[in-house]
Each structure stands twice: as structure tokens, then as C-alpha cells.
């Protein structure tokens, strides 16, 4: 499909032997998250645009968190809540991170 749209992207994929539907182990192209994001960025199709916009927003949010670490804490709390953790558990987790950070610095 990408070839039909004129994309001649070459990726730096590795191959691993993975179990296929017929139960045999076959060499399969694999990529890590960074490689997949780079591949998606290179897709000229308008169908890829929503994902590219999402990736840009995530990158922008992460840069904001680097500038203001409190935003990272807020994001962690939202993520833990989304995963179903209780407020008590979240507070204990964040306190343990702070204590561990203090111990490492000593």
C-alpha cells in the first residue's frame, strides 16, 4: 500500500524468529517504538495525519513536562487513575518516588 502511494521508506528493522499462525518459527521484521514513529512520520498518506498530530501533541506535552516537572507529576497521577489505582495508592507511590530520589541523592 505504501509503495502505491509513492513511499520508498527504508527502515532499520531487525528480524526475529516468531511463531507464525502455522506454528512454525519464521523470520519476522520487528521495530522498536522510535523506529515505528519515524516510519509513521514518513508516510505521505493523509490517513496517517491524525496519528502524526497525536505524536506532535505527545512530544509537545513531554517538552512542557521537562520544563515544569510538576506537570509530569500531574500526568503520572492522571495515568495511575486511568489505570484504576486508588488515590491512597497513588499518594503512597508518589511519596515513595520522592523518598527514593532523596536517598539516591545522598
PDB file of N, CA and C in Angstrom:
ATOM      1  N   UNK A   1       0.827  -1.190   0.000  1.00  0.00           N
ATOM      2  CA  UNK A   1       0.000   0.000   0.000  1.00  0.00           C
ATOM      3  C   UNK A   1       0.874   1.257   0.000  1.00  0.00           C
ATOM      4  N   UNK A   2       1.892   1.291   0.855  1.00  0.00           N
ATOM      5  CA  UNK A   2       2.753   2.468   0.887  1.00  0.00           C
ATOM      6  C   UNK A   2       3.458   2.669  -0.439  1.00  0.00           C
ATOM      7  N   UNK A   3       3.834   1.582  -1.077  1.00  0.00           N
ATOM      8  CA  UNK A   3       4.514   1.681  -2.358  1.00  0.00           C
ATOM      9  C   UNK A   3       3.587   2.315  -3.397  1.00  0.00           C
ATOM     10  N   UNK A   4       2.297   1.952  -3.359  1.00  0.00           N
ATOM     11  CA  UNK A   4       1.321   2.528  -4.285  1.00  0.00           C
ATOM     12  C   UNK A   4       1.207   4.037  -4.100  1.00  0.00           C
ATOM     13  N   UNK A   5       1.419   4.520  -2.873  1.00  0.00           N
ATOM     14  CA  UNK A   5       1.321   5.944  -2.582  1.00  0.00           C
ATOM     15  C   UNK A   5       2.649   6.673  -2.826  1.00  0.00           C
ATOM     16  N   UNK A   6       3.644   5.947  -3.318  1.00  0.00           N
ATOM     17  CA  UNK A   6       4.906   6.582  -3.647  1.00  0.00           C
ATOM     18  C   UNK A   6       5.918   6.595  -2.520  1.00  0.00           C
ATOM     19  N   UNK A   7       5.657   5.900  -1.436  1.00  0.00           N
ATOM     20  CA  UNK A   7       6.581   5.884  -0.308  1.00  0.00           C
ATOM     21  C   UNK A   7       7.661   4.844  -0.555  1.00  0.00           C
ATOM     22  N   UNK A   8       8.899   5.280  -0.474  1.00  0.00           N
ATOM     23  CA  UNK A   8      10.023   4.375  -0.660  1.00  0.00           C
ATOM     24  C   UNK A   8      10.856   4.305   0.616  1.00  0.00           C
ATOM     25  N   UNK A   9      10.189   4.402   1.742  1.00  0.00           N
ATOM     26  CA  UNK A   9      10.864   4.410   3.037  1.00  0.00           C
ATOM     27  C   UNK A   9      11.590   3.088   3.276  1.00  0.00           C
ATOM     28  N   UNK A  10      12.804   3.209   3.753  1.00  0.00           N
ATOM     29  CA  UNK A  10      13.562   2.041   4.169  1.00  0.00           C
ATOM     30  C   UNK A  10      13.780   2.176   5.669  1.00  0.00           C
ATOM     31  N   UNK A  11      13.445   1.144   6.416  1.00  0.00           N
ATOM     32  CA  UNK A  11      13.610   1.217   7.858  1.00  0.00           C
ATOM     33  C   UNK A  11      14.766   0.342   8.302  1.00  0.00           C
ATOM     34  N   UNK A  12      15.241   0.635   9.463  1.00  0.00           N
ATOM     35  CA  UNK A  12      16.309  -0.137  10.073  1.00  0.00           C
ATOM     36  C   UNK A  12      15.660  -1.187  10.970  1.00  0.00           C
ATOM     37  N   UNK A  13      15.006  -2.154  10.358  1.00  0.00           N
ATOM     38  CA  UNK A  13      14.305  -3.185  11.122  1.00  0.00           C
ATOM     39  C   UNK A  13      15.210  -4.391  11.316  1.00  0.00           C
ATOM     40  N   UNK A  14      15.031  -5.031  12.438  1.00  0.00           N
ATOM     41  CA  UNK A  14      15.700  -6.297  12.706  1.00  0.00           C
ATOM     42  C   UNK A  14      14.726  -7.419  12.402  1.00  0.00           C
ATOM     43  N   UNK A  15      15.239  -8.618  12.369  1.00  0.00           N
ATOM     44  CA  UNK A  15      14.371  -9.777  12.178  1.00  0.00           C
ATOM     45  C   UNK A  15      14.566 -10.743  13.336  1.00  0.00           C
ATOM     46  N   UNK A  16      13.444 -11.250  13.825  1.00  0.00           N
ATOM     47  CA  UNK A  16      13.451 -12.274  14.863  1.00  0.00           C
ATOM     48  C   UNK A  16      12.591 -13.431  14.397  1.00  0.00           C
ATOM     49  N   UNK A  17      12.911 -14.604  14.887  1.00  0.00           N
ATOM     50  CA  UNK A  17      12.076 -15.754  14.579  1.00  0.00           C
ATOM     51  C   UNK A  17      10.903 -15.762  15.556  1.00  0.00           C
ATOM     52  N   UNK A  18       9.714 -15.549  15.004  1.00  0.00           N
ATOM     53  CA  UNK A  18       8.499 -15.553  15.801  1.00  0.00           C
ATOM     54  C   UNK A  18       7.597 -16.681  15.322  1.00  0.00           C
ATOM     55  N   UNK A  19       6.755 -17.169  16.220  1.00  0.00           N
ATOM     56  CA  UNK A  19       5.843 -18.257  15.872  1.00  0.00           C
ATOM     57  C   UNK A  19       4.740 -17.696  14.978  1.00  0.00           C
ATOM     58  N   UNK A  20       4.552 -18.337  13.824  1.00  0.00           N
ATOM     59  CA  UNK A  20       3.525 -17.896  12.878  1.00  0.00           C
ATOM     60  C   UNK A  20       2.231 -18.668  13.130  1.00  0.00           C
ATOM     61  N   UNK A  21       1.200 -18.355  12.344  1.00  0.00           N
ATOM     62  CA  UNK A  21      -0.103 -18.994  12.526  1.00  0.00           C
ATOM     63  C   UNK A  21      -0.029 -20.507  12.346  1.00  0.00           C
ATOM     64  N   UNK A  22       0.898 -20.962  11.510  1.00  0.00           N
ATOM     65  CA  UNK A  22       1.005 -22.411  11.293  1.00  0.00           C
ATOM     66  C   UNK A  22       1.889 -23.089  12.350  1.00  0.00           C
ATOM     67  N   UNK A  23       2.325 -22.329  13.353  1.00  0.00           N
ATOM     68  CA  UNK A  23       3.100 -22.890  14.447  1.00  0.00           C
ATOM     69  C   UNK A  23       4.600 -22.938  14.194  1.00  0.00           C
ATOM     70  N   UNK A  24       5.028 -22.588  12.999  1.00  0.00           N
ATOM     71  CA  UNK A  24       6.454 -22.597  12.673  1.00  0.00           C
ATOM     72  C   UNK A  24       7.072 -21.257  13.038  1.00  0.00           C
ATOM     73  N   UNK A  25       8.362 -21.298  13.330  1.00  0.00           N
ATOM     74  CA  UNK A  25       9.087 -20.070  13.642  1.00  0.00           C
ATOM     75  C   UNK A  25       9.643 -19.498  12.344  1.00  0.00           C
ATOM     76  N   UNK A  26       9.246 -18.260  12.047  1.00  0.00           N
ATOM     77  CA  UNK A  26       9.672 -17.621  10.804  1.00  0.00           C
ATOM     78  C   UNK A  26      10.296 -16.260  11.112  1.00  0.00           C
ATOM     79  N   UNK A  27      11.281 -15.889  10.276  1.00  0.00           N
ATOM     80  CA  UNK A  27      11.887 -14.564  10.424  1.00  0.00           C
ATOM     81  C   UNK A  27      10.828 -13.501  10.156  1.00  0.00           C
ATOM     82  N   UNK A  28      10.724 -12.566  11.081  1.00  0.00           N
ATOM     83  CA  UNK A  28       9.712 -11.512  11.013  1.00  0.00           C
ATOM     84  C   UNK A  28      10.382 -10.170  11.268  1.00  0.00           C
ATOM     85  N   UNK A  29      10.037  -9.167  10.451  1.00  0.00           N
ATOM     86  CA  UNK A  29      10.572  -7.818  10.673  1.00  0.00           C
ATOM     87  C   UNK A  29       9.992  -7.266  11.966  1.00  0.00           C
ATOM     88  N   UNK A  30      10.835  -6.678  12.779  1.00  0.00           N
ATOM     89  CA  UNK A  30      10.404  -6.043  14.023  1.00  0.00           C
ATOM     90  C   UNK A  30      11.053  -4.668  14.117  1.00  0.00           C
ATOM     91  N   UNK A  31      10.407  -3.788  14.885  1.00  0.00           N
ATOM     92  CA  UNK A  31      10.931  -2.434  15.069  1.00  0.00           C
ATOM     93  C   UNK A  31      10.590  -1.985  16.481  1.00  0.00           C
ATOM     94  N   UNK A  32      11.423  -1.106  17.032  1.00  0.00           N
ATOM     95  CA  UNK A  32      11.105  -0.546  18.345  1.00  0.00           C
ATOM     96  C   UNK A  32      10.211   0.684  18.152  1.00  0.00           C
ATOM     97  N   UNK A  33       9.762   1.261  19.257  1.00  0.00           N
ATOM     98  CA  UNK A  33       8.816   2.376  19.195  1.00  0.00           C
ATOM     99  C   UNK A  33       9.389   3.549  18.399  1.00  0.00           C
ATOM    100  N   UNK A  34      10.652   3.881  18.624  1.00  0.00           N
ATOM    101  CA  UNK A  34      11.255   5.004  17.902  1.00  0.00           C
ATOM    102  C   UNK A  34      11.250   4.756  16.398  1.00  0.00           C
ATOM    103  N   UNK A  35      11.597   3.548  15.986  1.00  0.00           N
ATOM    104  CA  UNK A  35      11.599   3.226  14.562  1.00  0.00           C
ATOM    105  C   UNK A  35      10.188   3.316  13.976  1.00  0.00           C
ATOM    106  N   UNK A  36       9.198   2.847  14.741  1.00  0.00           N
ATOM    107  CA  UNK A  36       7.821   2.915  14.252  1.00  0.00           C
ATOM    108  C   UNK A  36       7.355   4.357  14.109  1.00  0.00           C
ATOM    109  N   UNK A  37       7.696   5.203  15.068  1.00  0.00           N
ATOM    110  CA  UNK A  37       7.312   6.612  14.978  1.00  0.00           C
ATOM    111  C   UNK A  37       7.968   7.277  13.765  1.00  0.00           C
ATOM    112  N   UNK A  38       9.232   6.991  13.531  1.00  0.00           N
ATOM    113  CA  UNK A  38       9.924   7.567  12.373  1.00  0.00           C
ATOM    114  C   UNK A  38       9.266   7.085  11.075  1.00  0.00           C
ATOM    115  N   UNK A  39       8.890   5.832  11.031  1.00  0.00           N
ATOM    116  CA  UNK A  39       8.223   5.294   9.849  1.00  0.00           C
ATOM    117  C   UNK A  39       6.891   6.011   9.622  1.00  0.00           C
ATOM    118  N   UNK A  40       6.120   6.181  10.671  1.00  0.00           N
ATOM    119  CA  UNK A  40       4.824   6.858  10.557  1.00  0.00           C
ATOM    120  C   UNK A  40       5.014   8.298  10.090  1.00  0.00           C
ATOM    121  N   UNK A  41       6.036   8.974  10.608  1.00  0.00           N
ATOM    122  CA  UNK A  41       6.294  10.355  10.187  1.00  0.00           C
ATOM    123  C   UNK A  41       6.565  10.448   8.690  1.00  0.00           C
ATOM    124  N   UNK A  42       7.116   9.394   8.125  1.00  0.00           N
ATOM    125  CA  UNK A  42       7.496   9.432   6.709  1.00  0.00           C
ATOM    126  C   UNK A  42       6.352   9.068   5.772  1.00  0.00           C
ATOM    127  N   UNK A  43       5.228   8.634   6.288  1.00  0.00           N
ATOM    128  CA  UNK A  43       4.116   8.212   5.436  1.00  0.00           C
ATOM    129  C   UNK A  43       3.420   9.447   4.865  1.00  0.00           C
ATOM    130  N   UNK A  44       3.366   9.560   3.542  1.00  0.00           N
ATOM    131  CA  UNK A  44       2.762  10.747   2.936  1.00  0.00           C
ATOM    132  C   UNK A  44       1.233  10.705   2.880  1.00  0.00           C
ATOM    133  N   UNK A  45       0.629   9.617   3.257  1.00  0.00           N
ATOM    134  CA  UNK A  45      -0.823   9.465   3.158  1.00  0.00           C
ATOM    135  C   UNK A  45      -1.571  10.366   4.134  1.00  0.00           C
ATOM    136  N   UNK A  46      -2.662  10.980   3.695  1.00  0.00           N
ATOM    137  CA  UNK A  46      -3.491  11.783   4.602  1.00  0.00           C
ATOM    138  C   UNK A  46      -4.083  10.939   5.743  1.00  0.00           C
ATOM    139  N   UNK A  47      -4.178   9.636   5.522  1.00  0.00           N
ATOM    140  CA  UNK A  47      -4.714   8.752   6.567  1.00  0.00           C
ATOM    141  C   UNK A  47      -3.793   8.693   7.781  1.00  0.00           C
ATOM    142  N   UNK A  48      -2.519   9.005   7.597  1.00  0.00           N
ATOM    143  CA  UNK A  48      -1.558   8.989   8.705  1.00  0.00           C
ATOM    144  C   UNK A  48      -1.591  10.288   9.496  1.00  0.00           C
ATOM    145  N   UNK A  49      -2.243  11.315   8.963  1.00  0.00           N
ATOM    146  CA  UNK A  49      -2.205  12.644   9.580  1.00  0.00           C
ATOM    147  C   UNK A  49      -2.729  12.678  11.016  1.00  0.00           C
ATOM    148  N   UNK A  50      -3.861  12.027  11.337  1.00  0.00           N
ATOM    149  CA  UNK A  50      -4.316  12.064  12.734  1.00  0.00           C
ATOM    150  C   UNK A  50      -3.286  11.505  13.715  1.00  0.00           C
ATOM    151  N   UNK A  51      -2.593  10.461  13.310  1.00  0.00           N
ATOM    152  CA  UNK A  51      -1.571   9.883  14.184  1.00  0.00           C
ATOM    153  C   UNK A  51      -0.384  10.823  14.312  1.00  0.00           C
ATOM    154  N   UNK A  52      -0.012  11.490  13.219  1.00  0.00           N
ATOM    155  CA  UNK A  52       1.087  12.459  13.258  1.00  0.00           C
ATOM    156  C   UNK A  52       0.742  13.620  14.186  1.00  0.00           C
ATOM    157  N   UNK A  53      -0.505  14.085  14.138  1.00  0.00           N
ATOM    158  CA  UNK A  53      -0.944  15.168  15.023  1.00  0.00           C
ATOM    159  C   UNK A  53      -0.858  14.716  16.473  1.00  0.00           C
ATOM    160  N   UNK A  54      -1.302  13.480  16.746  1.00  0.00           N
ATOM    161  CA  UNK A  54      -1.235  12.938  18.112  1.00  0.00           C
ATOM    162  C   UNK A  54       0.224  12.862  18.580  1.00  0.00           C
ATOM    163  N   UNK A  55       1.110  12.375  17.705  1.00  0.00           N
ATOM    164  CA  UNK A  55       2.528  12.272  18.082  1.00  0.00           C
ATOM    165  C   UNK A  55       3.104  13.646  18.393  1.00  0.00           C
ATOM    166  N   UNK A  56       2.734  14.655  17.618  1.00  0.00           N
ATOM    167  CA  UNK A  56       3.218  16.017  17.865  1.00  0.00           C
ATOM    168  C   UNK A  56       2.727  16.532  19.214  1.00  0.00           C
ATOM    169  N   UNK A  57       1.467  16.230  19.548  1.00  0.00           N
ATOM    170  CA  UNK A  57       0.916  16.683  20.826  1.00  0.00           C
ATOM    171  C   UNK A  57       1.620  16.006  21.995  1.00  0.00           C
ATOM    172  N   UNK A  58       1.870  14.713  21.866  1.00  0.00           N
ATOM    173  CA  UNK A  58       2.570  13.986  22.925  1.00  0.00           C
ATOM    174  C   UNK A  58       3.982  14.544  23.104  1.00  0.00           C
ATOM    175  N   UNK A  59       4.661  14.812  22.006  1.00  0.00           N
ATOM    176  CA  UNK A  59       6.015  15.375  22.081  1.00  0.00           C
ATOM    177  C   UNK A  59       5.987  16.757  22.734  1.00  0.00           C
ATOM    178  N   UNK A  60       5.015  17.572  22.366  1.00  0.00           N
ATOM    179  CA  UNK A  60       4.892  18.899  22.952  1.00  0.00           C
ATOM    180  C   UNK A  60       4.616  18.816  24.455  1.00  0.00           C
ATOM    181  N   UNK A  61       3.719  17.912  24.838  1.00  0.00           N
ATOM    182  CA  UNK A  61       3.419  17.720  26.261  1.00  0.00           C
ATOM    183  C   UNK A  61       4.664  17.296  27.030  1.00  0.00           C
ATOM    184  N   UNK A  62       5.436  16.397  26.442  1.00  0.00           N
ATOM    185  CA  UNK A  62       6.646  15.900  27.109  1.00  0.00           C
ATOM    186  C   UNK A  62       7.670  17.027  27.281  1.00  0.00           C
ATOM    187  N   UNK A  63       7.808  17.879  26.280  1.00  0.00           N
ATOM    188  CA  UNK A  63       8.727  19.019  26.392  1.00  0.00           C
ATOM    189  C   UNK A  63       8.262  19.952  27.504  1.00  0.00           C
ATOM    190  N   UNK A  64       6.942  20.177  27.572  1.00  0.00           N
ATOM    191  CA  UNK A  64       6.395  21.000  28.660  1.00  0.00           C
ATOM    192  C   UNK A  64       6.724  20.390  30.022  1.00  0.00           C
ATOM    193  N   UNK A  65       6.637  19.066  30.129  1.00  0.00           N
ATOM    194  CA  UNK A  65       6.934  18.383  31.392  1.00  0.00           C
ATOM    195  C   UNK A  65       8.407  18.511  31.760  1.00  0.00           C
ATOM    196  N   UNK A  66       9.270  18.530  30.762  1.00  0.00           N
ATOM    197  CA  UNK A  66      10.699  18.719  31.039  1.00  0.00           C
ATOM    198  C   UNK A  66      10.961  20.118  31.573  1.00  0.00           C
ATOM    199  N   UNK A  67      10.195  21.088  31.085  1.00  0.00           N
ATOM    200  CA  UNK A  67      10.333  22.467  31.537  1.00  0.00           C
ATOM    201  C   UNK A  67       9.749  22.662  32.937  1.00  0.00           C
ATOM    202  N   UNK A  68       8.686  21.933  33.246  1.00  0.00           N
ATOM    203  CA  UNK A  68       7.991  22.072  34.523  1.00  0.00           C
ATOM    204  C   UNK A  68       7.680  20.675  35.067  1.00  0.00           C
ATOM    205  N   UNK A  69       8.581  20.112  35.901  1.00  0.00           N
ATOM    206  CA  UNK A  69       8.410  18.742  36.397  1.00  0.00           C
ATOM    207  C   UNK A  69       7.077  18.497  37.117  1.00  0.00           C
ATOM    208  N   UNK A  70       6.459  19.531  37.651  1.00  0.00           N
ATOM    209  CA  UNK A  70       5.166  19.333  38.313  1.00  0.00           C
ATOM    210  C   UNK A  70       4.122  18.801  37.333  1.00  0.00           C
ATOM    211  N   UNK A  71       4.263  19.174  36.056  1.00  0.00           N
ATOM    212  CA  UNK A  71       3.355  18.657  35.039  1.00  0.00           C
ATOM    213  C   UNK A  71       3.522  17.147  34.875  1.00  0.00           C
ATOM    214  N   UNK A  72       4.744  16.658  35.061  1.00  0.00           N
ATOM    215  CA  UNK A  72       4.985  15.213  34.994  1.00  0.00           C
ATOM    216  C   UNK A  72       4.266  14.497  36.131  1.00  0.00           C
ATOM    217  N   UNK A  73       4.287  15.107  37.308  1.00  0.00           N
ATOM    218  CA  UNK A  73       3.613  14.514  38.463  1.00  0.00           C
ATOM    219  C   UNK A  73       2.112  14.475  38.210  1.00  0.00           C
ATOM    220  N   UNK A  74       1.561  15.582  37.700  1.00  0.00           N
ATOM    221  CA  UNK A  74       0.133  15.627  37.382  1.00  0.00           C
ATOM    222  C   UNK A  74      -0.226  14.555  36.352  1.00  0.00           C
ATOM    223  N   UNK A  75       0.622  14.388  35.351  1.00  0.00           N
ATOM    224  CA  UNK A  75       0.365  13.371  34.326  1.00  0.00           C
ATOM    225  C   UNK A  75       0.420  11.973  34.924  1.00  0.00           C
ATOM    226  N   UNK A  76       1.393  11.738  35.797  1.00  0.00           N
ATOM    227  CA  UNK A  76       1.502  10.431  36.449  1.00  0.00           C
ATOM    228  C   UNK A  76       0.236  10.136  37.256  1.00  0.00           C
ATOM    229  N   UNK A  77      -0.266  11.141  37.970  1.00  0.00           N
ATOM    230  CA  UNK A  77      -1.492  10.937  38.747  1.00  0.00           C
ATOM    231  C   UNK A  77      -2.663  10.597  37.832  1.00  0.00           C
ATOM    232  N   UNK A  78      -2.803  11.303  36.711  1.00  0.00           N
ATOM    233  CA  UNK A  78      -3.891  11.009  35.769  1.00  0.00           C
ATOM    234  C   UNK A  78      -3.745   9.605  35.195  1.00  0.00           C
ATOM    235  N   UNK A  79      -2.508   9.218  34.864  1.00  0.00           N
ATOM    236  CA  UNK A  79      -2.276   7.886  34.306  1.00  0.00           C
ATOM    237  C   UNK A  79      -2.608   6.790  35.318  1.00  0.00           C
ATOM    238  N   UNK A  80      -2.168   6.961  36.559  1.00  0.00           N
ATOM    239  CA  UNK A  80      -2.473   5.960  37.589  1.00  0.00           C
ATOM    240  C   UNK A  80      -3.978   5.857  37.814  1.00  0.00           C
ATOM    241  N   UNK A  81      -4.692   6.998  37.829  1.00  0.00           N
ATOM    242  CA  UNK A  81      -6.150   6.972  37.995  1.00  0.00           C
ATOM    243  C   UNK A  81      -6.803   6.252  36.827  1.00  0.00           C
ATOM    244  N   UNK A  82      -6.321   6.537  35.619  1.00  0.00           N
ATOM    245  CA  UNK A  82      -6.868   5.882  34.427  1.00  0.00           C
ATOM    246  C   UNK A  82      -6.681   4.369  34.502  1.00  0.00           C
ATOM    247  N   UNK A  83      -5.589   3.953  35.120  1.00  0.00           N
ATOM    248  CA  UNK A  83      -5.308   2.524  35.263  1.00  0.00           C
ATOM    249  C   UNK A  83      -6.051   1.893  36.438  1.00  0.00           C
ATOM    250  N   UNK A  84      -6.804   2.713  37.176  1.00  0.00           N
ATOM    251  CA  UNK A  84      -7.660   2.169  38.228  1.00  0.00           C
ATOM    252  C   UNK A  84      -7.073   2.157  39.621  1.00  0.00           C
ATOM    253  N   UNK A  85      -5.928   2.803  39.830  1.00  0.00           N
ATOM    254  CA  UNK A  85      -5.331   2.838  41.163  1.00  0.00           C
ATOM    255  C   UNK A  85      -6.085   3.826  42.054  1.00  0.00           C
ATOM    256  N   UNK A  86      -6.144   3.513  43.335  1.00  0.00           N
ATOM    257  CA  UNK A  86      -6.836   4.377  44.288  1.00  0.00           C
ATOM    258  C   UNK A  86      -5.987   5.611  44.598  1.00  0.00           C
ATOM    259  N   UNK A  87      -6.666   6.657  45.113  1.00  0.00           N
ATOM    260  CA  UNK A  87      -5.940   7.878  45.491  1.00  0.00           C
ATOM    261  C   UNK A  87      -4.902   7.577  46.571  1.00  0.00           C
ATOM    262  N   UNK A  88      -5.256   6.687  47.500  1.00  0.00           N
ATOM    263  CA  UNK A  88      -4.320   6.321  48.565  1.00  0.00           C
ATOM    264  C   UNK A  88      -3.069   5.670  47.972  1.00  0.00           C
ATOM    265  N   UNK A  89      -3.252   4.735  47.045  1.00  0.00           N
ATOM    266  CA  UNK A  89      -2.125   4.052  46.426  1.00  0.00           C
ATOM    267  C   UNK A  89      -1.264   5.051  45.665  1.00  0.00           C
ATOM    268  N   UNK A  90      -1.925   5.951  44.924  1.00  0.00           N
ATOM    269  CA  UNK A  90      -1.200   6.951  44.135  1.00  0.00           C
ATOM    270  C   UNK A  90      -0.348   7.835  45.045  1.00  0.00           C
ATOM    271  N   UNK A  91      -0.929   8.301  46.143  1.00  0.00           N
ATOM    272  CA  UNK A  91      -0.176   9.146  47.076  1.00  0.00           C
ATOM    273  C   UNK A  91       1.018   8.402  47.658  1.00  0.00           C
ATOM    274  N   UNK A  92       0.825   7.134  48.032  1.00  0.00           N
ATOM    275  CA  UNK A  92       1.938   6.340  48.564  1.00  0.00           C
ATOM    276  C   UNK A  92       3.020   6.153  47.506  1.00  0.00           C
ATOM    277  N   UNK A  93       2.615   5.912  46.282  1.00  0.00           N
ATOM    278  CA  UNK A  93       3.564   5.711  45.190  1.00  0.00           C
ATOM    279  C   UNK A  93       4.394   6.975  44.954  1.00  0.00           C
ATOM    280  N   UNK A  94       3.723   8.123  44.895  1.00  0.00           N
ATOM    281  CA  UNK A  94       4.443   9.366  44.650  1.00  0.00           C
ATOM    282  C   UNK A  94       5.375   9.701  45.813  1.00  0.00           C
ATOM    283  N   UNK A  95       4.946   9.407  47.034  1.00  0.00           N
ATOM    284  CA  UNK A  95       5.823   9.640  48.190  1.00  0.00           C
ATOM    285  C   UNK A  95       7.038   8.718  48.136  1.00  0.00           C
ATOM    286  N   UNK A  96       6.834   7.466  47.744  1.00  0.00           N
ATOM    287  CA  UNK A  96       7.964   6.528  47.684  1.00  0.00           C
ATOM    288  C   UNK A  96       8.962   6.953  46.609  1.00  0.00           C
ATOM    289  N   UNK A  97       8.463   7.516  45.512  1.00  0.00           N
ATOM    290  CA  UNK A  97       9.363   8.017  44.462  1.00  0.00           C
ATOM    291  C   UNK A  97      10.205   9.158  45.020  1.00  0.00           C
ATOM    292  N   UNK A  98       9.565  10.057  45.761  1.00  0.00           N
ATOM    293  CA  UNK A  98      10.277  11.200  46.345  1.00  0.00           C
ATOM    294  C   UNK A  98      11.321  10.726  47.359  1.00  0.00           C
ATOM    295  N   UNK A  99      10.954   9.755  48.193  1.00  0.00           N
ATOM    296  CA  UNK A  99      11.895   9.233  49.200  1.00  0.00           C
ATOM    297  C   UNK A  99      13.078   8.568  48.496  1.00  0.00           C
ATOM    298  N   UNK A 100      12.789   7.767  47.472  1.00  0.00           N
ATOM    299  CA  UNK A 100      13.866   7.081  46.745  1.00  0.00           C
ATOM    300  C   UNK A 100      14.792   8.107  46.097  1.00  0.00           C
ATOM    301  N   UNK A 101      14.221   9.165  45.520  1.00  0.00           N
ATOM    302  CA  UNK A 101      15.022  10.215  44.904  1.00  0.00           C
ATOM    303  C   UNK A 101      15.953  10.861  45.931  1.00  0.00           C
ATOM    304  N   UNK A 102      15.422  11.133  47.124  1.00  0.00           N
ATOM    305  CA  UNK A 102      16.229  11.735  48.187  1.00  0.00           C
ATOM    306  C   UNK A 102      17.363  10.809  48.616  1.00  0.00           C
ATOM    307  N   UNK A 103      17.085   9.505  48.706  1.00  0.00           N
ATOM    308  CA  UNK A 103      18.118   8.546  49.103  1.00  0.00           C
ATOM    309  C   UNK A 103      19.219   8.438  48.060  1.00  0.00           C
ATOM    310  N   UNK A 104      18.840   8.485  46.809  1.00  0.00           N
ATOM    311  CA  UNK A 104      19.826   8.380  45.725  1.00  0.00           C
ATOM    312  C   UNK A 104      20.745   9.594  45.721  1.00  0.00           C
ATOM    313  N   UNK A 105      20.184  10.761  46.039  1.00  0.00           N
ATOM    314  CA  UNK A 105      20.981  11.981  46.034  1.00  0.00           C
ATOM    315  C   UNK A 105      21.980  12.027  47.185  1.00  0.00           C
ATOM    316  N   UNK A 106      21.737  11.283  48.243  1.00  0.00           N
ATOM    317  CA  UNK A 106      22.635  11.322  49.395  1.00  0.00           C
ATOM    318  C   UNK A 106      23.877  10.551  49.189  1.00  0.00           C
TER     319      UNK A 106
END
